[in-house]
PDB file of N, CA and C in Angstrom:
ATOM      1  N   UNK A   1      48.173 -83.802   7.965  1.00  0.00           N
ATOM      2  CA  UNK A   1      49.501 -84.363   8.129  1.00  0.00           C
ATOM      3  C   UNK A   1      49.927 -85.047   6.844  1.00  0.00           C
ATOM      4  N   UNK A   2      51.216 -85.034   6.602  1.00  0.00           N
ATOM      5  CA  UNK A   2      51.769 -85.640   5.408  1.00  0.00           C
ATOM      6  C   UNK A   2      52.752 -86.725   5.796  1.00  0.00           C
ATOM      7  N   UNK A   3      52.869 -87.709   4.949  1.00  0.00           N
ATOM      8  CA  UNK A   3      53.805 -88.790   5.164  1.00  0.00           C
ATOM      9  C   UNK A   3      54.886 -88.691   4.102  1.00  0.00           C
ATOM     10  N   UNK A   4      56.138 -88.662   4.526  1.00  0.00           N
ATOM     11  CA  UNK A   4      57.262 -88.551   3.604  1.00  0.00           C
ATOM     12  C   UNK A   4      58.144 -89.771   3.775  1.00  0.00           C
ATOM     13  N   UNK A   5      58.392 -90.461   2.703  1.00  0.00           N
ATOM     14  CA  UNK A   5      59.252 -91.630   2.744  1.00  0.00           C
ATOM     15  C   UNK A   5      60.706 -91.186   2.935  1.00  0.00           C
ATOM     16  N   UNK A   6      61.423 -91.728   3.936  1.00  0.00           N
ATOM     17  CA  UNK A   6      62.813 -91.322   4.164  1.00  0.00           C
ATOM     18  C   UNK A   6      63.703 -91.509   2.941  1.00  0.00           C
ATOM     19  N   UNK A   7      63.357 -92.432   2.044  1.00  0.00           N
ATOM     20  CA  UNK A   7      64.176 -92.630   0.840  1.00  0.00           C
ATOM     21  C   UNK A   7      64.140 -91.379  -0.052  1.00  0.00           C
ATOM     22  N   UNK A   8      63.078 -90.568   0.085  1.00  0.00           N
ATOM     23  CA  UNK A   8      62.982 -89.326  -0.671  1.00  0.00           C
ATOM     24  C   UNK A   8      64.003 -88.294  -0.210  1.00  0.00           C
ATOM     25  N   UNK A   9      64.582 -88.492   0.967  1.00  0.00           N
ATOM     26  CA  UNK A   9      65.530 -87.527   1.512  1.00  0.00           C
ATOM     27  C   UNK A   9      66.820 -87.471   0.714  1.00  0.00           C
ATOM     28  N   UNK A  10      67.065 -88.470  -0.100  1.00  0.00           N
ATOM     29  CA  UNK A  10      68.285 -88.485  -0.897  1.00  0.00           C
ATOM     30  C   UNK A  10      68.263 -87.383  -1.953  1.00  0.00           C
ATOM     31  N   UNK A  11      67.075 -86.960  -2.356  1.00  0.00           N
ATOM     32  CA  UNK A  11      66.933 -85.895  -3.341  1.00  0.00           C
ATOM     33  C   UNK A  11      66.736 -84.580  -2.607  1.00  0.00           C
ATOM     34  N   UNK A  12      67.784 -83.777  -2.477  1.00  0.00           N
ATOM     35  CA  UNK A  12      67.705 -82.545  -1.709  1.00  0.00           C
ATOM     36  C   UNK A  12      66.841 -81.498  -2.377  1.00  0.00           C
ATOM     37  N   UNK A  13      66.474 -81.676  -3.625  1.00  0.00           N
ATOM     38  CA  UNK A  13      65.639 -80.711  -4.316  1.00  0.00           C
ATOM     39  C   UNK A  13      64.153 -80.998  -4.136  1.00  0.00           C
ATOM     40  N   UNK A  14      63.801 -82.148  -3.593  1.00  0.00           N
ATOM     41  CA  UNK A  14      62.381 -82.469  -3.430  1.00  0.00           C
ATOM     42  C   UNK A  14      61.795 -81.658  -2.280  1.00  0.00           C
ATOM     43  N   UNK A  15      60.511 -81.373  -2.370  1.00  0.00           N
ATOM     44  CA  UNK A  15      59.841 -80.534  -1.388  1.00  0.00           C
ATOM     45  C   UNK A  15      59.976 -81.103   0.017  1.00  0.00           C
ATOM     46  N   UNK A  16      60.435 -80.274   0.949  1.00  0.00           N
ATOM     47  CA  UNK A  16      60.534 -80.676   2.342  1.00  0.00           C
ATOM     48  C   UNK A  16      61.746 -81.500   2.688  1.00  0.00           C
ATOM     49  N   UNK A  17      62.576 -81.831   1.732  1.00  0.00           N
ATOM     50  CA  UNK A  17      63.679 -82.742   2.037  1.00  0.00           C
ATOM     51  C   UNK A  17      64.774 -82.087   2.869  1.00  0.00           C
ATOM     52  N   UNK A  18      65.013 -80.786   2.693  1.00  0.00           N
ATOM     53  CA  UNK A  18      66.071 -80.144   3.474  1.00  0.00           C
ATOM     54  C   UNK A  18      65.742 -80.159   4.967  1.00  0.00           C
ATOM     55  N   UNK A  19      64.537 -79.731   5.379  1.00  0.00           N
ATOM     56  CA  UNK A  19      64.230 -79.812   6.810  1.00  0.00           C
ATOM     57  C   UNK A  19      64.206 -81.245   7.322  1.00  0.00           C
ATOM     58  N   UNK A  20      63.762 -82.190   6.481  1.00  0.00           N
ATOM     59  CA  UNK A  20      63.751 -83.582   6.913  1.00  0.00           C
ATOM     60  C   UNK A  20      65.182 -84.101   7.038  1.00  0.00           C
ATOM     61  N   UNK A  21      66.066 -83.655   6.155  1.00  0.00           N
ATOM     62  CA  UNK A  21      67.474 -84.044   6.259  1.00  0.00           C
ATOM     63  C   UNK A  21      68.059 -83.519   7.576  1.00  0.00           C
ATOM     64  N   UNK A  22      67.706 -82.307   7.957  1.00  0.00           N
ATOM     65  CA  UNK A  22      68.164 -81.768   9.240  1.00  0.00           C
ATOM     66  C   UNK A  22      67.632 -82.596  10.402  1.00  0.00           C
ATOM     67  N   UNK A  23      66.375 -83.015  10.306  1.00  0.00           N
ATOM     68  CA  UNK A  23      65.792 -83.865  11.353  1.00  0.00           C
ATOM     69  C   UNK A  23      66.528 -85.201  11.424  1.00  0.00           C
ATOM     70  N   UNK A  24      66.883 -85.734  10.255  1.00  0.00           N
ATOM     71  CA  UNK A  24      67.630 -86.996  10.219  1.00  0.00           C
ATOM     72  C   UNK A  24      68.983 -86.833  10.900  1.00  0.00           C
ATOM     73  N   UNK A  25      69.650 -85.720  10.656  1.00  0.00           N
ATOM     74  CA  UNK A  25      70.945 -85.457  11.298  1.00  0.00           C
ATOM     75  C   UNK A  25      70.789 -85.330  12.812  1.00  0.00           C
ATOM     76  N   UNK A  26      69.708 -84.702  13.253  1.00  0.00           N
ATOM     77  CA  UNK A  26      69.447 -84.593  14.688  1.00  0.00           C
ATOM     78  C   UNK A  26      69.203 -85.966  15.301  1.00  0.00           C
ATOM     79  N   UNK A  27      68.490 -86.833  14.590  1.00  0.00           N
ATOM     80  CA  UNK A  27      68.208 -88.180  15.100  1.00  0.00           C
ATOM     81  C   UNK A  27      69.498 -88.942  15.387  1.00  0.00           C
ATOM     82  N   UNK A  28      70.525 -88.689  14.608  1.00  0.00           N
ATOM     83  CA  UNK A  28      71.819 -89.359  14.818  1.00  0.00           C
ATOM     84  C   UNK A  28      72.431 -89.000  16.170  1.00  0.00           C
ATOM     85  N   UNK A  29      72.062 -87.858  16.718  1.00  0.00           N
ATOM     86  CA  UNK A  29      72.611 -87.392  18.000  1.00  0.00           C
ATOM     87  C   UNK A  29      71.944 -88.053  19.200  1.00  0.00           C
ATOM     88  N   UNK A  30      70.795 -88.679  18.987  1.00  0.00           N
ATOM     89  CA  UNK A  30      70.051 -89.282  20.085  1.00  0.00           C
ATOM     90  C   UNK A  30      70.797 -90.478  20.658  1.00  0.00           C
ATOM     91  N   UNK A  31      70.713 -90.623  21.975  1.00  0.00           N
ATOM     92  CA  UNK A  31      71.305 -91.788  22.645  1.00  0.00           C
ATOM     93  C   UNK A  31      70.227 -92.812  23.000  1.00  0.00           C
ATOM     94  N   UNK A  32      69.004 -92.560  22.585  1.00  0.00           N
ATOM     95  CA  UNK A  32      67.888 -93.455  22.863  1.00  0.00           C
ATOM     96  C   UNK A  32      67.862 -94.621  21.873  1.00  0.00           C
ATOM     97  N   UNK A  33      67.150 -95.679  22.250  1.00  0.00           N
ATOM     98  CA  UNK A  33      67.005 -96.846  21.380  1.00  0.00           C
ATOM     99  C   UNK A  33      66.307 -96.452  20.076  1.00  0.00           C
ATOM    100  N   UNK A  34      65.221 -95.701  20.195  1.00  0.00           N
ATOM    101  CA  UNK A  34      64.503 -95.208  19.025  1.00  0.00           C
ATOM    102  C   UNK A  34      64.974 -93.782  18.782  1.00  0.00           C
ATOM    103  N   UNK A  35      65.676 -93.569  17.698  1.00  0.00           N
ATOM    104  CA  UNK A  35      66.312 -92.282  17.411  1.00  0.00           C
ATOM    105  C   UNK A  35      65.409 -91.412  16.536  1.00  0.00           C
ATOM    106  N   UNK A  36      64.987 -90.282  17.109  1.00  0.00           N
ATOM    107  CA  UNK A  36      64.128 -89.342  16.392  1.00  0.00           C
ATOM    108  C   UNK A  36      64.749 -87.958  16.387  1.00  0.00           C
ATOM    109  N   UNK A  37      64.473 -87.236  15.316  1.00  0.00           N
ATOM    110  CA  UNK A  37      64.905 -85.849  15.201  1.00  0.00           C
ATOM    111  C   UNK A  37      63.756 -85.022  14.674  1.00  0.00           C
ATOM    112  N   UNK A  38      63.776 -83.733  15.007  1.00  0.00           N
ATOM    113  CA  UNK A  38      62.721 -82.829  14.547  1.00  0.00           C
ATOM    114  C   UNK A  38      63.328 -81.506  14.094  1.00  0.00           C
ATOM    115  N   UNK A  39      62.687 -80.918  13.091  1.00  0.00           N
ATOM    116  CA  UNK A  39      63.037 -79.595  12.595  1.00  0.00           C
ATOM    117  C   UNK A  39      61.762 -78.770  12.527  1.00  0.00           C
ATOM    118  N   UNK A  40      61.821 -77.557  13.062  1.00  0.00           N
ATOM    119  CA  UNK A  40      60.688 -76.639  12.958  1.00  0.00           C
ATOM    120  C   UNK A  40      61.090 -75.528  11.997  1.00  0.00           C
ATOM    121  N   UNK A  41      60.249 -75.323  10.963  1.00  0.00           N
ATOM    122  CA  UNK A  41      60.521 -74.297   9.951  1.00  0.00           C
ATOM    123  C   UNK A  41      59.314 -73.376   9.806  1.00  0.00           C
ATOM    124  N   UNK A  42      59.626 -72.097   9.604  1.00  0.00           N
ATOM    125  CA  UNK A  42      58.581 -71.122   9.317  1.00  0.00           C
ATOM    126  C   UNK A  42      59.144 -70.125   8.320  1.00  0.00           C
ATOM    127  N   UNK A  43      58.391 -69.900   7.264  1.00  0.00           N
ATOM    128  CA  UNK A  43      58.796 -68.974   6.199  1.00  0.00           C
ATOM    129  C   UNK A  43      60.192 -69.299   5.676  1.00  0.00           C
ATOM    130  N   UNK A  44      60.434 -70.562   5.410  1.00  0.00           N
ATOM    131  CA  UNK A  44      61.700 -71.051   4.860  1.00  0.00           C
ATOM    132  C   UNK A  44      62.909 -70.805   5.757  1.00  0.00           C
ATOM    133  N   UNK A  45      62.675 -70.623   7.055  1.00  0.00           N
ATOM    134  CA  UNK A  45      63.764 -70.446   8.007  1.00  0.00           C
ATOM    135  C   UNK A  45      63.669 -71.519   9.074  1.00  0.00           C
ATOM    136  N   UNK A  46      64.814 -72.073   9.437  1.00  0.00           N
ATOM    137  CA  UNK A  46      64.864 -73.064  10.503  1.00  0.00           C
ATOM    138  C   UNK A  46      64.714 -72.333  11.835  1.00  0.00           C
ATOM    139  N   UNK A  47      63.707 -72.716  12.594  1.00  0.00           N
ATOM    140  CA  UNK A  47      63.457 -72.129  13.911  1.00  0.00           C
ATOM    141  C   UNK A  47      64.213 -72.918  14.978  1.00  0.00           C
ATOM    142  N   UNK A  48      64.170 -74.259  14.880  1.00  0.00           N
ATOM    143  CA  UNK A  48      64.842 -75.107  15.864  1.00  0.00           C
ATOM    144  C   UNK A  48      64.967 -76.528  15.324  1.00  0.00           C
ATOM    145  N   UNK A  49      65.990 -77.212  15.797  1.00  0.00           N
ATOM    146  CA  UNK A  49      66.161 -78.644  15.539  1.00  0.00           C
ATOM    147  C   UNK A  49      66.467 -79.316  16.870  1.00  0.00           C
ATOM    148  N   UNK A  50      66.092 -80.580  17.001  1.00  0.00           N
ATOM    149  CA  UNK A  50      66.339 -81.290  18.253  1.00  0.00           C
ATOM    150  C   UNK A  50      66.173 -82.789  18.046  1.00  0.00           C
ATOM    151  N   UNK A  51      66.693 -83.556  19.014  1.00  0.00           N
ATOM    152  CA  UNK A  51      66.515 -85.013  19.021  1.00  0.00           C
ATOM    153  C   UNK A  51      65.822 -85.408  20.319  1.00  0.00           C
ATOM    154  N   UNK A  52      65.412 -86.667  20.400  1.00  0.00           N
ATOM    155  CA  UNK A  52      64.815 -87.158  21.634  1.00  0.00           C
ATOM    156  C   UNK A  52      65.918 -87.443  22.654  1.00  0.00           C
ATOM    157  N   UNK A  53      65.584 -87.222  23.933  1.00  0.00           N
ATOM    158  CA  UNK A  53      66.561 -87.359  25.010  1.00  0.00           C
ATOM    159  C   UNK A  53      66.033 -88.249  26.123  1.00  0.00           C
ATOM    160  N   UNK A  54      66.949 -88.772  26.914  1.00  0.00           N
ATOM    161  CA  UNK A  54      66.591 -89.604  28.055  1.00  0.00           C
ATOM    162  C   UNK A  54      65.948 -88.763  29.161  1.00  0.00           C
ATOM    163  N   UNK A  55      66.360 -87.496  29.294  1.00  0.00           N
ATOM    164  CA  UNK A  55      65.798 -86.649  30.344  1.00  0.00           C
ATOM    165  C   UNK A  55      64.417 -86.143  29.938  1.00  0.00           C
ATOM    166  N   UNK A  56      63.751 -85.475  30.861  1.00  0.00           N
ATOM    167  CA  UNK A  56      62.429 -84.932  30.586  1.00  0.00           C
ATOM    168  C   UNK A  56      62.381 -83.464  30.978  1.00  0.00           C
ATOM    169  N   UNK A  57      61.237 -82.864  30.850  1.00  0.00           N
ATOM    170  CA  UNK A  57      61.009 -81.465  31.191  1.00  0.00           C
ATOM    171  C   UNK A  57      59.590 -81.366  31.731  1.00  0.00           C
ATOM    172  N   UNK A  58      59.351 -80.548  32.779  1.00  0.00           N
ATOM    173  CA  UNK A  58      58.003 -80.504  33.359  1.00  0.00           C
ATOM    174  C   UNK A  58      56.914 -79.998  32.419  1.00  0.00           C
ATOM    175  N   UNK A  59      57.266 -79.209  31.405  1.00  0.00           N
ATOM    176  CA  UNK A  59      56.251 -78.669  30.503  1.00  0.00           C
ATOM    177  C   UNK A  59      56.352 -79.202  29.078  1.00  0.00           C
ATOM    178  N   UNK A  60      57.486 -79.749  28.700  1.00  0.00           N
ATOM    179  CA  UNK A  60      57.683 -80.193  27.320  1.00  0.00           C
ATOM    180  C   UNK A  60      57.962 -81.695  27.219  1.00  0.00           C
ATOM    181  N   UNK A  61      57.984 -82.399  28.351  1.00  0.00           N
ATOM    182  CA  UNK A  61      58.203 -83.842  28.350  1.00  0.00           C
ATOM    183  C   UNK A  61      56.988 -84.568  27.809  1.00  0.00           C
ATOM    184  N   UNK A  62      57.144 -85.865  27.621  1.00  0.00           N
ATOM    185  CA  UNK A  62      56.083 -86.638  26.979  1.00  0.00           C
ATOM    186  C   UNK A  62      55.218 -87.394  27.977  1.00  0.00           C
ATOM    187  N   UNK A  63      54.876 -86.760  29.069  1.00  0.00           N
ATOM    188  CA  UNK A  63      53.928 -87.345  30.013  1.00  0.00           C
ATOM    189  C   UNK A  63      54.415 -88.623  30.656  1.00  0.00           C
ATOM    190  N   UNK A  64      53.623 -89.675  30.506  1.00  0.00           N
ATOM    191  CA  UNK A  64      53.909 -90.943  31.182  1.00  0.00           C
ATOM    192  C   UNK A  64      55.219 -91.595  30.727  1.00  0.00           C
ATOM    193  N   UNK A  65      55.729 -91.207  29.557  1.00  0.00           N
ATOM    194  CA  UNK A  65      56.951 -91.821  29.069  1.00  0.00           C
ATOM    195  C   UNK A  65      58.201 -91.271  29.741  1.00  0.00           C
ATOM    196  N   UNK A  66      58.077 -90.128  30.416  1.00  0.00           N
ATOM    197  CA  UNK A  66      59.189 -89.509  31.155  1.00  0.00           C
ATOM    198  C   UNK A  66      60.410 -89.286  30.288  1.00  0.00           C
ATOM    199  N   UNK A  67      60.188 -88.874  29.070  1.00  0.00           N
ATOM    200  CA  UNK A  67      61.284 -88.598  28.141  1.00  0.00           C
ATOM    201  C   UNK A  67      60.977 -87.296  27.408  1.00  0.00           C
ATOM    202  N   UNK A  68      62.023 -86.665  26.915  1.00  0.00           N
ATOM    203  CA  UNK A  68      61.852 -85.472  26.103  1.00  0.00           C
ATOM    204  C   UNK A  68      61.910 -85.911  24.650  1.00  0.00           C
ATOM    205  N   UNK A  69      60.749 -85.976  24.016  1.00  0.00           N
ATOM    206  CA  UNK A  69      60.679 -86.384  22.616  1.00  0.00           C
ATOM    207  C   UNK A  69      61.227 -85.268  21.735  1.00  0.00           C
ATOM    208  N   UNK A  70      61.602 -85.618  20.523  1.00  0.00           N
ATOM    209  CA  UNK A  70      62.215 -84.662  19.601  1.00  0.00           C
ATOM    210  C   UNK A  70      61.294 -83.463  19.347  1.00  0.00           C
ATOM    211  N   UNK A  71      59.995 -83.711  19.236  1.00  0.00           N
ATOM    212  CA  UNK A  71      59.057 -82.628  18.961  1.00  0.00           C
ATOM    213  C   UNK A  71      59.024 -81.621  20.105  1.00  0.00           C
ATOM    214  N   UNK A  72      58.856 -82.124  21.327  1.00  0.00           N
ATOM    215  CA  UNK A  72      58.829 -81.254  22.503  1.00  0.00           C
ATOM    216  C   UNK A  72      60.150 -80.550  22.721  1.00  0.00           C
ATOM    217  N   UNK A  73      61.239 -81.251  22.466  1.00  0.00           N
ATOM    218  CA  UNK A  73      62.571 -80.679  22.618  1.00  0.00           C
ATOM    219  C   UNK A  73      62.763 -79.521  21.646  1.00  0.00           C
ATOM    220  N   UNK A  74      62.344 -79.685  20.394  1.00  0.00           N
ATOM    221  CA  UNK A  74      62.476 -78.622  19.395  1.00  0.00           C
ATOM    222  C   UNK A  74      61.600 -77.413  19.760  1.00  0.00           C
ATOM    223  N   UNK A  75      60.382 -77.669  20.206  1.00  0.00           N
ATOM    224  CA  UNK A  75      59.504 -76.570  20.619  1.00  0.00           C
ATOM    225  C   UNK A  75      60.128 -75.834  21.795  1.00  0.00           C
ATOM    226  N   UNK A  76      60.627 -76.574  22.771  1.00  0.00           N
ATOM    227  CA  UNK A  76      61.277 -75.979  23.947  1.00  0.00           C
ATOM    228  C   UNK A  76      62.466 -75.101  23.545  1.00  0.00           C
ATOM    229  N   UNK A  77      63.299 -75.597  22.634  1.00  0.00           N
ATOM    230  CA  UNK A  77      64.465 -74.825  22.204  1.00  0.00           C
ATOM    231  C   UNK A  77      64.043 -73.514  21.532  1.00  0.00           C
ATOM    232  N   UNK A  78      63.006 -73.561  20.732  1.00  0.00           N
ATOM    233  CA  UNK A  78      62.530 -72.341  20.069  1.00  0.00           C
ATOM    234  C   UNK A  78      61.980 -71.355  21.093  1.00  0.00           C
ATOM    235  N   UNK A  79      61.133 -71.822  21.984  1.00  0.00           N
ATOM    236  CA  UNK A  79      60.524 -70.964  22.995  1.00  0.00           C
ATOM    237  C   UNK A  79      61.605 -70.350  23.885  1.00  0.00           C
ATOM    238  N   UNK A  80      62.576 -71.151  24.278  1.00  0.00           N
ATOM    239  CA  UNK A  80      63.671 -70.676  25.128  1.00  0.00           C
ATOM    240  C   UNK A  80      64.453 -69.542  24.459  1.00  0.00           C
ATOM    241  N   UNK A  81      64.533 -69.580  23.134  1.00  0.00           N
ATOM    242  CA  UNK A  81      65.228 -68.535  22.373  1.00  0.00           C
ATOM    243  C   UNK A  81      64.321 -67.339  22.078  1.00  0.00           C
ATOM    244  N   UNK A  82      63.080 -67.407  22.526  1.00  0.00           N
ATOM    245  CA  UNK A  82      62.147 -66.317  22.299  1.00  0.00           C
ATOM    246  C   UNK A  82      61.529 -66.321  20.912  1.00  0.00           C
ATOM    247  N   UNK A  83      61.560 -67.467  20.243  1.00  0.00           N
ATOM    248  CA  UNK A  83      61.029 -67.584  18.887  1.00  0.00           C
ATOM    249  C   UNK A  83      59.643 -68.219  18.907  1.00  0.00           C
ATOM    250  N   UNK A  84      58.740 -67.663  18.155  1.00  0.00           N
ATOM    251  CA  UNK A  84      57.393 -68.220  18.042  1.00  0.00           C
ATOM    252  C   UNK A  84      57.394 -69.353  17.019  1.00  0.00           C
ATOM    253  N   UNK A  85      56.669 -70.410  17.323  1.00  0.00           N
ATOM    254  CA  UNK A  85      56.515 -71.514  16.376  1.00  0.00           C
ATOM    255  C   UNK A  85      55.114 -71.516  15.764  1.00  0.00           C
ATOM    256  N   UNK A  86      54.309 -70.525  16.120  1.00  0.00           N
ATOM    257  CA  UNK A  86      52.948 -70.424  15.581  1.00  0.00           C
ATOM    258  C   UNK A  86      53.001 -70.306  14.063  1.00  0.00           C
ATOM    259  N   UNK A  87      52.206 -71.132  13.401  1.00  0.00           N
ATOM    260  CA  UNK A  87      52.153 -71.119  11.945  1.00  0.00           C
ATOM    261  C   UNK A  87      53.283 -71.886  11.276  1.00  0.00           C
ATOM    262  N   UNK A  88      54.143 -72.510  12.052  1.00  0.00           N
ATOM    263  CA  UNK A  88      55.302 -73.230  11.511  1.00  0.00           C
ATOM    264  C   UNK A  88      54.921 -74.647  11.071  1.00  0.00           C
ATOM    265  N   UNK A  89      55.894 -75.296  10.446  1.00  0.00           N
ATOM    266  CA  UNK A  89      55.791 -76.706  10.069  1.00  0.00           C
ATOM    267  C   UNK A  89      56.853 -77.462  10.838  1.00  0.00           C
ATOM    268  N   UNK A  90      56.483 -78.612  11.384  1.00  0.00           N
ATOM    269  CA  UNK A  90      57.455 -79.463  12.070  1.00  0.00           C
ATOM    270  C   UNK A  90      57.663 -80.728  11.244  1.00  0.00           C
ATOM    271  N   UNK A  91      58.930 -81.085  11.054  1.00  0.00           N
ATOM    272  CA  UNK A  91      59.332 -82.285  10.321  1.00  0.00           C
ATOM    273  C   UNK A  91      59.934 -83.240  11.342  1.00  0.00           C
ATOM    274  N   UNK A  92      59.473 -84.490  11.321  1.00  0.00           N
ATOM    275  CA  UNK A  92      59.932 -85.479  12.300  1.00  0.00           C
ATOM    276  C   UNK A  92      60.446 -86.700  11.561  1.00  0.00           C
ATOM    277  N   UNK A  93      61.646 -87.122  11.932  1.00  0.00           N
ATOM    278  CA  UNK A  93      62.278 -88.270  11.294  1.00  0.00           C
ATOM    279  C   UNK A  93      62.616 -89.313  12.356  1.00  0.00           C
ATOM    280  N   UNK A  94      62.347 -90.577  12.049  1.00  0.00           N
ATOM    281  CA  UNK A  94      62.724 -91.687  12.930  1.00  0.00           C
ATOM    282  C   UNK A  94      63.647 -92.610  12.159  1.00  0.00           C
ATOM    283  N   UNK A  95      64.810 -92.870  12.733  1.00  0.00           N
ATOM    284  CA  UNK A  95      65.813 -93.707  12.087  1.00  0.00           C
ATOM    285  C   UNK A  95      65.256 -95.092  11.776  1.00  0.00           C
ATOM    286  N   UNK A  96      65.672 -95.635  10.639  1.00  0.00           N
ATOM    287  CA  UNK A  96      65.300 -96.998  10.279  1.00  0.00           C
ATOM    288  C   UNK A  96      64.025 -97.096   9.463  1.00  0.00           C
ATOM    289  N   UNK A  97      63.612 -96.010   8.832  1.00  0.00           N
ATOM    290  CA  UNK A  97      62.414 -96.023   7.994  1.00  0.00           C
ATOM    291  C   UNK A  97      61.174 -96.434   8.787  1.00  0.00           C
ATOM    292  N   UNK A  98      61.158 -96.063  10.080  1.00  0.00           N
ATOM    293  CA  UNK A  98      60.017 -96.378  10.933  1.00  0.00           C
ATOM    294  C   UNK A  98      59.102 -95.162  11.059  1.00  0.00           C
ATOM    295  N   UNK A  99      57.860 -95.419  11.403  1.00  0.00           N
ATOM    296  CA  UNK A  99      56.864 -94.371  11.526  1.00  0.00           C
ATOM    297  C   UNK A  99      57.247 -93.384  12.629  1.00  0.00           C
ATOM    298  N   UNK A 100      57.217 -92.097  12.313  1.00  0.00           N
ATOM    299  CA  UNK A 100      57.582 -91.043  13.260  1.00  0.00           C
ATOM    300  C   UNK A 100      56.377 -90.178  13.623  1.00  0.00           C
ATOM    301  N   UNK A 101      55.184 -90.730  13.524  1.00  0.00           N
ATOM    302  CA  UNK A 101      53.971 -89.981  13.853  1.00  0.00           C
ATOM    303  C   UNK A 101      54.026 -89.560  15.325  1.00  0.00           C
ATOM    304  N   UNK A 102      53.757 -88.283  15.622  1.00  0.00           N
ATOM    305  CA  UNK A 102      53.834 -87.818  17.007  1.00  0.00           C
ATOM    306  C   UNK A 102      52.872 -88.547  17.935  1.00  0.00           C
ATOM    307  N   UNK A 103      53.316 -88.756  19.167  1.00  0.00           N
ATOM    308  CA  UNK A 103      52.466 -89.370  20.185  1.00  0.00           C
ATOM    309  C   UNK A 103      51.421 -88.340  20.630  1.00  0.00           C
ATOM    310  N   UNK A 104      50.405 -88.745  21.374  1.00  0.00           N
ATOM    311  CA  UNK A 104      49.374 -87.799  21.815  1.00  0.00           C
ATOM    312  C   UNK A 104      49.924 -86.617  22.620  1.00  0.00           C
ATOM    313  N   UNK A 105      50.911 -86.848  23.478  1.00  0.00           N
ATOM    314  CA  UNK A 105      51.493 -85.745  24.255  1.00  0.00           C
ATOM    315  C   UNK A 105      52.165 -84.730  23.337  1.00  0.00           C
ATOM    316  N   UNK A 106      52.903 -85.208  22.352  1.00  0.00           N
ATOM    317  CA  UNK A 106      53.579 -84.302  21.421  1.00  0.00           C
ATOM    318  C   UNK A 106      52.562 -83.575  20.546  1.00  0.00           C
ATOM    319  N   UNK A 107      51.509 -84.268  20.124  1.00  0.00           N
ATOM    320  CA  UNK A 107      50.472 -83.604  19.338  1.00  0.00           C
ATOM    321  C   UNK A 107      49.810 -82.497  20.158  1.00  0.00           C
ATOM    322  N   UNK A 108      49.659 -82.725  21.459  1.00  0.00           N
ATOM    323  CA  UNK A 108      49.118 -81.687  22.326  1.00  0.00           C
ATOM    324  C   UNK A 108      50.009 -80.450  22.335  1.00  0.00           C
ATOM    325  N   UNK A 109      51.321 -80.656  22.423  1.00  0.00           N
ATOM    326  CA  UNK A 109      52.260 -79.522  22.384  1.00  0.00           C
ATOM    327  C   UNK A 109      52.226 -78.824  21.031  1.00  0.00           C
ATOM    328  N   UNK A 110      52.165 -79.606  19.969  1.00  0.00           N
ATOM    329  CA  UNK A 110      52.126 -79.052  18.610  1.00  0.00           C
ATOM    330  C   UNK A 110      50.906 -78.146  18.454  1.00  0.00           C
ATOM    331  N   UNK A 111      49.759 -78.600  18.929  1.00  0.00           N
ATOM    332  CA  UNK A 111      48.541 -77.792  18.842  1.00  0.00           C
ATOM    333  C   UNK A 111      48.604 -76.589  19.783  1.00  0.00           C
ATOM    334  N   UNK A 112      49.096 -76.798  20.993  1.00  0.00           N
ATOM    335  CA  UNK A 112      49.166 -75.716  21.991  1.00  0.00           C
ATOM    336  C   UNK A 112      49.985 -74.537  21.484  1.00  0.00           C
ATOM    337  N   UNK A 113      51.080 -74.821  20.796  1.00  0.00           N
ATOM    338  CA  UNK A 113      51.971 -73.755  20.339  1.00  0.00           C
ATOM    339  C   UNK A 113      51.696 -73.315  18.904  1.00  0.00           C
ATOM    340  N   UNK A 114      50.635 -73.823  18.305  1.00  0.00           N
ATOM    341  CA  UNK A 114      50.168 -73.306  17.024  1.00  0.00           C
ATOM    342  C   UNK A 114      50.935 -73.754  15.796  1.00  0.00           C
ATOM    343  N   UNK A 115      51.626 -74.880  15.881  1.00  0.00           N
ATOM    344  CA  UNK A 115      52.291 -75.412  14.692  1.00  0.00           C
ATOM    345  C   UNK A 115      51.199 -75.895  13.745  1.00  0.00           C
ATOM    346  N   UNK A 116      51.236 -75.440  12.504  1.00  0.00           N
ATOM    347  CA  UNK A 116      50.107 -75.689  11.596  1.00  0.00           C
ATOM    348  C   UNK A 116      50.228 -76.968  10.783  1.00  0.00           C
ATOM    349  N   UNK A 117      51.443 -77.468  10.584  1.00  0.00           N
ATOM    350  CA  UNK A 117      51.599 -78.648   9.735  1.00  0.00           C
ATOM    351  C   UNK A 117      52.629 -79.601  10.328  1.00  0.00           C
ATOM    352  N   UNK A 118      52.329 -80.883  10.241  1.00  0.00           N
ATOM    353  CA  UNK A 118      53.219 -81.932  10.734  1.00  0.00           C
ATOM    354  C   UNK A 118      53.565 -82.853   9.577  1.00  0.00           C
ATOM    355  N   UNK A 119      54.856 -83.021   9.320  1.00  0.00           N
ATOM    356  CA  UNK A 119      55.319 -83.933   8.265  1.00  0.00           C
ATOM    357  C   UNK A 119      56.259 -84.925   8.944  1.00  0.00           C
ATOM    358  N   UNK A 120      55.975 -86.207   8.776  1.00  0.00           N
ATOM    359  CA  UNK A 120      56.795 -87.206   9.449  1.00  0.00           C
ATOM    360  C   UNK A 120      57.175 -88.331   8.502  1.00  0.00           C
ATOM    361  N   UNK A 121      58.279 -88.964   8.814  1.00  0.00           N
ATOM    362  CA  UNK A 121      58.780 -90.077   7.997  1.00  0.00           C
ATOM    363  C   UNK A 121      58.097 -91.367   8.395  1.00  0.00           C
ATOM    364  N   UNK A 122      58.253 -92.383   7.588  1.00  0.00           N
ATOM    365  CA  UNK A 122      57.765 -93.703   7.921  1.00  0.00           C
ATOM    366  C   UNK A 122      56.838 -94.276   6.891  1.00  0.00           C
ATOM    367  N   UNK A 123      56.457 -95.502   7.139  1.00  0.00           N
ATOM    368  CA  UNK A 123      55.593 -96.240   6.219  1.00  0.00           C
ATOM    369  C   UNK A 123      54.141 -96.017   6.549  1.00  0.00           C
TER     370      UNK A 123
END
């Protein structure tokens, strides 16, 4: 896993900043207190983007938290479209320069669907 400082997102030419910028834009759409966004990329193509939601899903929700986290939401959107996320990279951004490391439930989904790399914002 890699840690990317959100301040690096200002430079669109830096490695990984475009997908992280997309994740940041998705986080703005969240109505939750903690605003997170995720982007899944494979072979330089955006597979899916999503934010965290108040609702949940029986297979992609975050377990005891009863919420659809940005990571699970993005995986769900890709799968629903018939797109494989195996071998992809997921970028996760949390508003406010806070740590966006995936929770155990989201890490389980990331591993289950074969996402090979996780890059998240935060200190």
